[in-house]
Protein backbone atom coordinates (compact mmCIF):
# COMPACT_ATOMS: atom_id res chain seq x y z
CA MET A 1 -24.98 38.47 -23.73
CA SER A 2 -22.78 35.67 -23.37
CA THR A 3 -19.92 35.58 -20.50
CA LEU A 4 -16.93 33.56 -20.25
CA ASP A 5 -16.51 30.88 -18.05
CA ASP A 6 -13.35 30.86 -15.76
CA ASP A 7 -13.71 27.26 -14.73
CA CYS A 8 -11.49 25.28 -16.83
CA TYR A 9 -13.21 21.84 -15.37
CA GLN A 10 -16.64 23.33 -16.40
CA ALA A 11 -18.84 19.92 -16.76
CA ASP A 12 -18.77 18.53 -20.46
CA ALA A 13 -20.86 15.66 -22.51
CA GLU A 14 -17.55 14.21 -23.77
CA MET A 15 -15.82 13.51 -20.59
CA LEU A 16 -16.02 10.29 -18.71
CA PRO A 17 -17.11 9.67 -15.11
CA TYR A 18 -14.33 8.49 -13.00
CA LEU A 19 -16.10 5.09 -12.26
CA LYS A 20 -16.71 4.48 -15.72
CA GLY A 21 -13.26 5.15 -16.90
CA MET A 22 -11.97 3.00 -14.23
CA ASP A 23 -14.22 0.18 -14.82
CA ILE A 24 -12.91 0.37 -18.59
CA LEU A 25 -9.01 0.32 -17.31
CA LYS A 26 -10.00 -2.69 -15.00
CA ASN A 27 -11.60 -4.59 -17.58
CA GLN A 28 -8.78 -3.93 -19.87
CA THR A 29 -5.58 -5.14 -17.60
CA HIS A 30 -4.61 -8.22 -16.30
CA THR A 31 -1.18 -9.58 -14.70
CA VAL A 32 1.17 -9.22 -17.28
CA VAL A 33 4.48 -10.34 -15.46
CA GLY A 34 6.21 -13.25 -15.05
CA THR A 35 7.17 -15.04 -11.67
CA GLU A 36 10.52 -16.22 -10.16
CA ILE A 37 11.71 -17.30 -7.15
CA VAL A 38 13.67 -15.01 -4.37
CA SER A 39 14.97 -16.02 -0.67
CA LEU A 40 12.81 -14.29 1.87
CA PRO A 41 15.32 -11.59 2.59
CA LYS A 42 14.98 -10.11 -0.89
CA ALA A 43 11.15 -10.61 -1.15
CA LEU A 44 10.06 -7.50 0.70
CA GLY A 45 8.09 -5.28 -1.62
CA ARG A 46 7.35 -8.03 -3.89
CA VAL A 47 4.26 -9.26 -5.02
CA LEU A 48 3.31 -13.12 -3.91
CA ALA A 49 2.54 -15.37 -7.09
CA GLU A 50 1.14 -18.22 -5.38
CA ASP A 51 -0.65 -18.81 -1.90
CA ILE A 52 1.46 -19.76 0.98
CA GLN A 53 0.37 -23.03 2.87
CA ALA A 54 1.46 -23.89 6.24
CA PRO A 55 3.19 -27.26 6.42
CA LEU A 56 3.33 -26.85 10.13
CA SER A 57 1.21 -25.52 13.19
CA VAL A 58 2.63 -22.27 15.08
CA PRO A 59 3.53 -23.00 17.49
CA PRO A 60 4.28 -26.51 16.81
CA HIS A 61 3.65 -27.55 20.57
CA ASP A 62 1.93 -26.07 23.76
CA ASN A 63 4.39 -24.05 25.71
CA SER A 64 4.95 -21.16 28.22
CA ALA A 65 3.80 -17.73 27.89
CA VAL A 66 5.78 -16.75 31.28
CA ASP A 67 8.75 -17.58 33.06
CA GLY A 68 7.10 -19.88 35.79
CA TYR A 69 5.88 -23.24 37.27
CA GLY A 70 4.28 -25.86 35.12
CA VAL A 71 1.73 -28.13 36.87
CA ALA A 72 -1.54 -30.08 36.02
CA PHE A 73 -4.64 -27.93 36.80
CA ALA A 74 -6.01 -31.54 38.40
CA ASP A 75 -3.25 -31.26 41.20
CA LEU A 76 -4.63 -27.74 42.09
CA ALA A 77 -6.26 -27.48 45.73
CA PRO A 78 -9.51 -25.63 44.64
CA ASP A 79 -9.92 -23.63 47.62
CA GLY A 80 -6.20 -22.79 49.27
CA GLU A 81 -2.51 -22.90 48.37
CA THR A 82 -0.84 -25.91 46.86
CA ARG A 83 2.63 -27.37 47.63
CA LEU A 84 4.27 -29.41 44.84
CA PRO A 85 7.76 -30.74 44.62
CA VAL A 86 9.64 -29.10 41.95
CA THR A 87 11.56 -31.93 39.83
CA ALA A 88 12.81 -30.54 36.69
CA ARG A 89 13.98 -27.32 34.67
CA ILE A 90 12.34 -26.80 30.99
CA ALA A 91 14.11 -23.79 29.15
CA ALA A 92 13.22 -22.85 25.66
CA GLY A 93 14.46 -25.29 23.15
CA HIS A 94 14.93 -28.13 25.74
CA PRO A 95 11.88 -29.83 26.48
CA LEU A 96 11.35 -32.62 28.93
CA ASP A 97 12.30 -36.14 27.59
CA ARG A 98 9.43 -37.66 29.43
CA SER A 99 5.48 -37.04 30.39
CA ALA A 100 5.03 -35.20 33.50
CA GLU A 101 3.87 -37.54 36.38
CA SER A 102 0.55 -36.41 38.59
CA GLY A 103 1.67 -34.08 41.88
CA GLU A 104 4.91 -32.55 40.73
CA ALA A 105 5.71 -29.39 39.27
CA VAL A 106 8.50 -28.19 36.61
CA GLN A 107 10.28 -25.06 36.36
CA ILE A 108 9.69 -23.73 32.82
CA PHE A 109 10.86 -20.43 30.95
CA THR A 110 8.89 -18.46 28.33
CA GLY A 111 8.54 -20.49 25.11
CA GLY A 112 9.68 -23.62 26.97
CA ALA A 113 7.60 -26.94 25.65
CA MET A 114 4.79 -27.76 28.05
CA PRO A 115 5.44 -31.38 29.18
CA VAL A 116 2.53 -33.89 28.41
CA GLY A 117 0.62 -34.07 31.66
CA MET A 118 0.52 -30.36 32.30
CA ASP A 119 -1.59 -27.74 31.41
CA THR A 120 -1.24 -24.78 33.30
CA VAL A 121 1.92 -22.12 34.33
CA ALA A 122 1.93 -20.22 37.91
CA MET A 123 3.81 -17.14 37.19
CA GLN A 124 7.48 -17.16 38.89
CA GLU A 125 6.51 -13.60 40.60
CA ASP A 126 3.00 -15.22 42.06
CA ILE A 127 4.42 -18.22 43.74
CA THR A 128 6.71 -18.94 46.78
CA LEU A 129 9.74 -21.27 46.85
CA ASP A 130 10.44 -23.53 50.18
CA GLY A 131 13.48 -25.72 49.64
CA ASP A 132 12.60 -28.02 46.62
CA ASP A 133 8.71 -27.15 46.84
CA VAL A 134 6.78 -24.36 45.08
CA ILE A 135 3.82 -23.12 46.78
CA ILE A 136 1.38 -22.24 44.23
CA PRO A 137 -1.89 -19.52 45.96
CA ALA A 138 -5.73 -20.25 45.19
CA GLY A 139 -7.30 -18.87 42.07
CA LEU A 140 -5.21 -19.93 39.48
CA LYS A 141 -7.26 -21.09 36.52
CA LEU A 142 -7.13 -23.94 34.02
CA GLY A 143 -4.71 -23.22 30.85
CA ALA A 144 -3.42 -20.06 32.62
CA ASN A 145 -0.03 -18.78 30.66
CA ARG A 146 -0.22 -21.67 28.60
CA ARG A 147 0.10 -20.91 24.69
CA LEU A 148 -1.72 -23.88 22.70
CA ARG A 149 -0.36 -25.56 19.80
CA GLY A 150 -1.47 -24.01 16.66
CA GLU A 151 -2.41 -20.88 18.36
CA ASP A 152 -1.14 -18.91 15.66
CA ILE A 153 -1.32 -21.17 12.66
CA GLN A 154 -3.08 -24.25 11.98
CA LYS A 155 -1.19 -27.04 9.76
CA ASP A 156 -2.60 -26.73 6.03
CA ASP A 157 -3.70 -23.16 6.60
CA VAL A 158 -3.18 -20.68 3.77
CA ILE A 159 -1.63 -17.92 5.68
CA ILE A 160 -0.65 -15.55 2.94
CA LYS A 161 -2.53 -15.25 -0.63
CA SER A 162 -1.44 -14.68 -4.12
CA GLY A 163 -1.29 -11.32 -5.14
CA THR A 164 -0.35 -9.77 -1.69
CA MET A 165 2.59 -7.26 -1.57
CA LEU A 166 4.97 -8.63 1.23
CA ARG A 167 5.81 -6.53 3.95
CA ALA A 168 7.79 -7.00 6.83
CA GLN A 169 4.88 -8.65 8.89
CA GLU A 170 4.26 -11.11 5.83
CA ILE A 171 8.19 -11.65 5.71
CA GLY A 172 7.98 -12.44 9.34
CA LEU A 173 5.22 -14.64 9.04
CA ALA A 174 6.58 -16.60 6.38
CA ALA A 175 9.55 -17.25 8.25
CA SER A 176 7.65 -18.60 11.10
CA ILE A 177 6.57 -21.72 8.98
CA GLY A 178 10.26 -22.25 8.04
CA LEU A 179 9.87 -20.88 4.58
CA GLY A 180 13.17 -19.78 3.09
CA HIS A 181 12.04 -18.89 -0.52
CA VAL A 182 8.95 -17.49 -2.14
CA LYS A 183 7.56 -17.43 -5.48
CA VAL A 184 6.92 -13.51 -6.48
CA TYR A 185 5.99 -11.67 -9.71
CA LYS A 186 8.71 -10.25 -11.75
CA PRO A 187 8.87 -6.34 -11.55
CA LEU A 188 6.74 -4.30 -14.14
CA ARG A 189 9.07 -3.03 -16.54
CA VAL A 190 7.94 0.95 -17.13
CA ALA A 191 9.28 3.56 -19.48
CA VAL A 192 8.80 7.42 -18.34
CA PHE A 193 9.36 10.63 -20.16
CA SER A 194 8.28 13.95 -20.10
CA THR A 195 7.26 16.39 -22.90
CA GLY A 196 7.50 20.02 -23.91
CA ASP A 197 9.59 22.46 -25.32
CA GLU A 198 9.73 24.21 -22.05
CA ILE A 199 11.14 21.55 -19.82
CA ALA A 200 14.29 21.47 -18.62
CA ASP A 201 16.10 18.89 -16.77
CA PRO A 202 17.55 19.99 -13.39
CA LEU A 203 20.25 17.46 -13.40
CA PHE A 204 21.83 18.35 -16.67
CA ASP A 205 20.58 21.64 -17.95
CA GLY A 206 22.17 24.71 -16.86
CA VAL A 207 21.23 26.32 -13.56
CA ASP A 208 19.94 29.42 -15.55
CA ALA A 209 17.38 27.33 -17.15
CA VAL A 210 14.33 29.43 -15.13
CA GLY A 211 14.64 33.01 -15.16
CA GLY A 212 17.17 33.07 -18.07
CA GLY A 213 14.49 34.45 -20.81
CA GLN A 214 14.11 31.13 -22.26
CA GLY A 215 10.73 30.31 -20.87
CA THR A 216 11.47 27.18 -19.26
CA ILE A 217 10.81 25.40 -16.16
CA TYR A 218 12.52 22.39 -14.50
CA ASP A 219 11.05 18.97 -15.14
CA VAL A 220 9.06 17.50 -11.46
CA ASN A 221 6.96 14.96 -13.26
CA ARG A 222 9.75 12.63 -14.26
CA TYR A 223 11.14 12.35 -11.14
CA SER A 224 8.08 12.26 -8.70
CA ILE A 225 6.18 9.58 -11.28
CA ALA A 226 9.67 7.70 -10.79
CA ALA A 227 9.59 7.95 -7.24
CA LEU A 228 6.03 6.72 -7.08
CA LEU A 229 6.63 3.74 -9.34
CA ARG A 230 10.08 2.87 -7.41
CA GLY A 231 7.44 2.13 -4.55
CA PHE A 232 5.59 -0.38 -6.39
CA GLY A 233 8.85 -2.33 -7.18
CA CYS A 234 8.84 -1.17 -10.67
CA GLU A 235 11.72 -1.49 -12.98
CA ILE A 236 11.98 2.00 -15.04
CA THR A 237 13.34 2.95 -17.64
CA ASP A 238 13.79 6.83 -17.83
CA LEU A 239 13.50 8.33 -21.72
CA GLY A 240 14.05 11.76 -20.73
CA ILE A 241 12.19 14.81 -22.13
CA LEU A 242 10.65 14.67 -25.53
CA GLN A 243 10.30 17.91 -27.11
CA ASP A 244 6.59 18.95 -28.90
CA ASN A 245 7.33 17.22 -31.89
CA VAL A 246 5.54 14.33 -33.65
CA ALA A 247 7.90 12.64 -35.36
CA GLU A 248 10.57 12.49 -32.08
CA ILE A 249 7.33 11.49 -29.95
CA ARG A 250 6.06 8.68 -32.17
CA GLY A 251 9.41 7.34 -32.21
CA ALA A 252 10.03 7.23 -28.83
CA LEU A 253 6.72 5.41 -28.22
CA HIS A 254 7.17 3.20 -30.89
CA ASP A 255 10.86 2.19 -29.87
CA ALA A 256 9.74 1.76 -25.98
CA ALA A 257 6.68 -0.51 -26.57
CA PRO A 258 8.51 -3.89 -26.82
CA GLY A 259 10.63 -3.69 -24.20
CA HIS A 260 8.20 -2.64 -21.59
CA ASP A 261 5.15 -3.45 -19.79
CA LEU A 262 3.74 -0.10 -19.39
CA ILE A 263 4.55 3.54 -20.79
CA ILE A 264 4.00 6.63 -18.68
CA THR A 265 4.09 10.25 -20.34
CA SER A 266 3.02 13.37 -18.51
CA GLY A 267 2.14 16.41 -20.36
CA GLY A 268 0.89 16.55 -24.14
CA VAL A 269 -2.41 15.15 -23.54
CA SER A 270 -4.79 18.55 -23.96
CA MET A 271 -6.35 20.00 -26.63
CA GLY A 272 -3.69 22.44 -27.71
CA GLU A 273 -1.76 22.60 -31.26
CA GLU A 274 1.17 21.03 -29.32
CA ASP A 275 -0.56 18.70 -27.40
CA HIS A 276 0.31 15.32 -29.81
CA ILE A 277 0.77 12.83 -27.14
CA THR A 278 -2.85 11.39 -27.53
CA ARG A 279 -3.03 11.53 -31.26
CA VAL A 280 0.41 9.76 -31.68
CA VAL A 281 -0.82 6.95 -29.40
CA GLU A 282 -3.87 6.40 -31.21
CA SER A 283 -1.97 6.13 -34.48
CA LEU A 284 0.11 3.40 -32.80
CA GLY A 285 -2.34 1.82 -31.01
CA SER A 286 -5.65 2.86 -29.21
CA ILE A 287 -7.07 5.46 -26.82
CA ASP A 288 -9.62 3.53 -24.21
CA PHE A 289 -10.31 6.94 -22.92
CA TRP A 290 -9.17 10.55 -22.59
CA ARG A 291 -11.09 13.29 -20.78
CA LEU A 292 -12.54 12.43 -17.51
CA ALA A 293 -15.02 14.09 -15.40
CA ILE A 294 -12.27 14.89 -12.40
CA LYS A 295 -10.47 17.70 -10.85
CA PRO A 296 -7.65 18.09 -10.83
CA GLY A 297 -6.19 15.83 -13.72
CA ARG A 298 -9.14 16.07 -16.52
CA PRO A 299 -6.84 15.73 -19.45
CA MET A 300 -5.14 12.35 -19.15
CA ALA A 301 -5.30 9.39 -21.38
CA PHE A 302 -5.35 5.49 -20.97
CA GLY A 303 -4.55 2.95 -23.97
CA LYS A 304 -1.94 1.23 -25.84
CA VAL A 305 1.05 2.00 -27.85
CA VAL A 306 1.21 -1.74 -30.01
CA ASP A 307 0.45 -3.97 -27.25
CA THR A 308 1.81 -1.89 -24.40
CA ALA A 309 -0.29 -0.42 -21.98
CA PHE A 310 -0.11 3.23 -21.90
CA ILE A 311 -1.02 6.18 -19.20
CA GLY A 312 -0.62 9.86 -20.37
CA LEU A 313 -0.66 11.69 -17.59
CA PRO A 314 -1.40 15.93 -17.19
CA GLY A 315 1.19 18.31 -17.23
CA ASN A 316 0.74 20.27 -14.29
CA PRO A 317 3.03 18.51 -11.46
CA VAL A 318 0.02 18.05 -8.79
CA ALA A 319 -2.52 16.70 -11.30
CA ALA A 320 -0.04 14.40 -12.75
CA MET A 321 0.64 13.04 -8.96
CA VAL A 322 -2.80 12.76 -8.03
CA ILE A 323 -3.89 10.89 -11.27
CA PHE A 324 -1.11 8.61 -10.63
CA MET A 325 -2.28 7.71 -7.20
CA ARG A 326 -6.17 7.42 -8.26
CA VAL A 327 -5.86 6.27 -11.97
CA ALA A 328 -2.37 4.85 -12.77
CA ARG A 329 -2.10 2.89 -9.18
CA CYS A 330 -4.61 0.71 -9.80
CA LEU A 331 -3.36 -0.19 -13.41
CA ILE A 332 0.37 -0.74 -12.06
CA MET A 333 -1.26 -3.10 -9.32
CA ARG A 334 -3.05 -5.19 -11.67
CA MET A 335 -0.57 -5.57 -14.16
CA SER A 336 1.92 -6.83 -11.24
CA GLY A 337 -0.79 -9.32 -9.81
CA ARG A 338 -1.50 -7.68 -6.85
CA THR A 339 -5.09 -8.36 -5.96
CA GLU A 340 -6.03 -5.56 -3.48
CA THR A 341 -6.03 -2.18 -5.57
CA ASP A 342 -8.54 -0.13 -3.57
CA VAL A 343 -7.48 2.47 -1.48
CA PRO A 344 -9.27 2.38 1.97
CA ALA A 345 -10.94 5.63 2.92
CA PHE A 346 -11.97 6.68 6.31
CA GLN A 347 -14.85 9.18 6.80
CA VAL A 348 -13.63 12.48 9.11
CA PRO A 349 -15.57 15.62 9.83
CA ALA A 350 -14.33 18.66 7.69
CA GLY A 351 -12.76 21.53 8.97
CA PHE A 352 -14.13 23.92 6.20
CA SER A 353 -16.61 24.84 3.96
CA MET A 354 -16.70 25.14 0.04
CA THR A 355 -19.24 24.71 -3.01
CA LYS A 356 -18.33 22.30 -5.61
CA LYS A 357 -19.73 21.67 -9.33
CA LYS A 358 -21.89 18.83 -9.13
CA GLY A 359 -20.96 16.06 -11.91
CA ARG A 360 -17.57 15.72 -11.64
CA ARG A 361 -15.16 14.01 -8.81
CA GLU A 362 -12.76 16.04 -6.85
CA TRP A 363 -9.72 15.73 -4.86
CA LEU A 364 -8.31 18.01 -2.60
CA ARG A 365 -5.15 18.34 -0.71
CA ALA A 366 -5.63 17.87 3.04
CA SER A 367 -4.39 16.99 6.19
CA LEU A 368 -5.92 15.75 9.46
CA GLU A 369 -5.92 18.05 12.58
CA ILE A 370 -6.99 17.69 16.16
CA ASN A 371 -9.44 20.78 17.05
CA SER A 372 -9.65 22.18 20.32
CA ASP A 373 -12.54 19.70 21.03
CA GLY A 374 -10.03 16.90 20.41
CA VAL A 375 -11.70 15.84 17.25
CA MET A 376 -9.92 14.87 14.36
CA GLN A 377 -10.65 17.22 11.46
CA ALA A 378 -9.66 17.15 7.87
CA HIS A 379 -8.56 20.69 6.57
CA LYS A 380 -7.73 21.55 2.83
CA PHE A 381 -4.83 23.08 1.79
CA PRO A 382 -5.53 26.87 1.47
CA GLN A 383 -4.29 26.85 -2.48
CA GLN A 384 -5.72 23.90 -4.65
CA GLY A 385 -4.11 25.01 -8.15
CA ALA A 386 -2.78 21.97 -10.13
CA GLY A 387 0.49 23.84 -10.11
CA ILE A 388 0.87 24.39 -6.45
CA LEU A 389 3.39 21.65 -5.71
CA THR A 390 3.76 22.60 -1.87
CA SER A 391 0.36 21.39 -1.48
CA MET A 392 1.45 17.84 -2.15
CA VAL A 393 4.47 18.43 0.56
CA ALA A 394 2.20 20.31 3.23
CA SER A 395 -0.56 17.59 2.94
CA THR A 396 -1.34 13.98 4.12
CA GLY A 397 -3.49 12.92 1.87
CA LEU A 398 -6.77 13.82 -0.49
CA ILE A 399 -10.32 14.38 0.45
CA GLU A 400 -12.32 12.87 -2.33
CA LEU A 401 -15.54 14.63 -3.27
CA VAL A 402 -17.93 12.37 -5.59
CA GLU A 403 -19.73 13.60 -8.27
CA ASP A 404 -23.54 14.17 -6.73
CA VAL A 405 -21.76 16.60 -4.03
CA GLU A 406 -22.40 20.05 -4.58
CA GLY A 407 -20.74 21.70 -1.28
CA VAL A 408 -18.96 20.89 2.17
CA GLU A 409 -20.33 22.63 5.54
CA GLU A 410 -17.66 22.57 8.56
CA GLY A 411 -18.69 19.19 10.29
CA ASP A 412 -19.95 17.61 7.64
CA LEU A 413 -18.19 13.96 7.00
CA VAL A 414 -15.84 13.68 4.01
CA SER A 415 -14.02 10.62 2.56
CA PHE A 416 -10.04 11.01 3.32
CA LEU A 417 -7.35 8.76 1.80
CA SER A 418 -4.23 8.58 2.89
CA PHE A 419 -0.75 9.45 0.76
CA GLY A 420 0.69 6.34 2.51
CA ASP A 421 -2.04 4.14 1.55
CA MET A 422 -2.09 5.42 -2.14
CA THR A 423 1.68 5.21 -2.66
CA GLN A 424 2.13 1.46 -1.85
């Protein structure tokens, strides 16, 4: 007697392993956007399109790391105090106009250029002033409190590589070598729409759309996916909601392809009679893979509409966001010119136990918490359904369980992926 299986993610010979799907995606994609020159203040979040090579060393000269008194180490007594006359004052931006002479000290402030002939700085709080002399205690080491020329950057070093997304850190580094403009990739142009007769727009449809007897729900995916895309600096065209109508979907996809680098849809990629997306995409271009052995998000598609890249996300809102982070993100980064596309994972002990079906990759919504022993643990959200949107708000990342794993016991090390790393 046969029985029904309540696991809609049961392993299936037609499903493609996740890593094979990602290999296909990576082999099919490359940088598609052009380049432009932007001023440094406008470069935040943009992707660098050429290596930045330093035209000078940073710092450009030896300088003092503290407020104090510059001396030549050779002038210091090896076993006792040293008295030296103070002959000059050096503030940052006002270097001494001569070389230092043997047997003198100069007052120098943080950032002040070290004069030729001096190699060591005594901190202001460690010395004693006696008239025009400074008394330096024993024990000062050669080169103390001195920053060396080129200590941070050497002339001709490549300091930022092409394909790097420019953060505040890189902006500051570029400014440190006097760079006012940078060459960056243009934003990826992405068209986004949702599908489904049951979907209502929360901004424009009536407030009674839900619970009004029409069987409708508010559109989540278009808003969450567009927000994720903005985090990658994409230019977004919102195509709204398409009904479950082949002609309407075909027309929208056909018209969107020429003016965009990527089309992202949600819903309509499963096997139901009203799921038209994959068939329409295949008729206009190609489907390179469809069903992956993953949870959540098995029904998703990657291909082309004419010559424009296409990602079809699942309709369930959690699955749509997870697949964006674990599949579409890599595509977007590669097309945008980014070179580092992998998400860093770190191992943490599990604060839970569970069983898992072998042969598929799973992502669990989870948060990191410190237990009573002071140990960081990963705790999965209690409800892992693909429609439990609150799980994405309450969690801080995903636990990734690979295909060979069949279960997790409390204390086992699991891979944790931060939402912060997956959304930039």
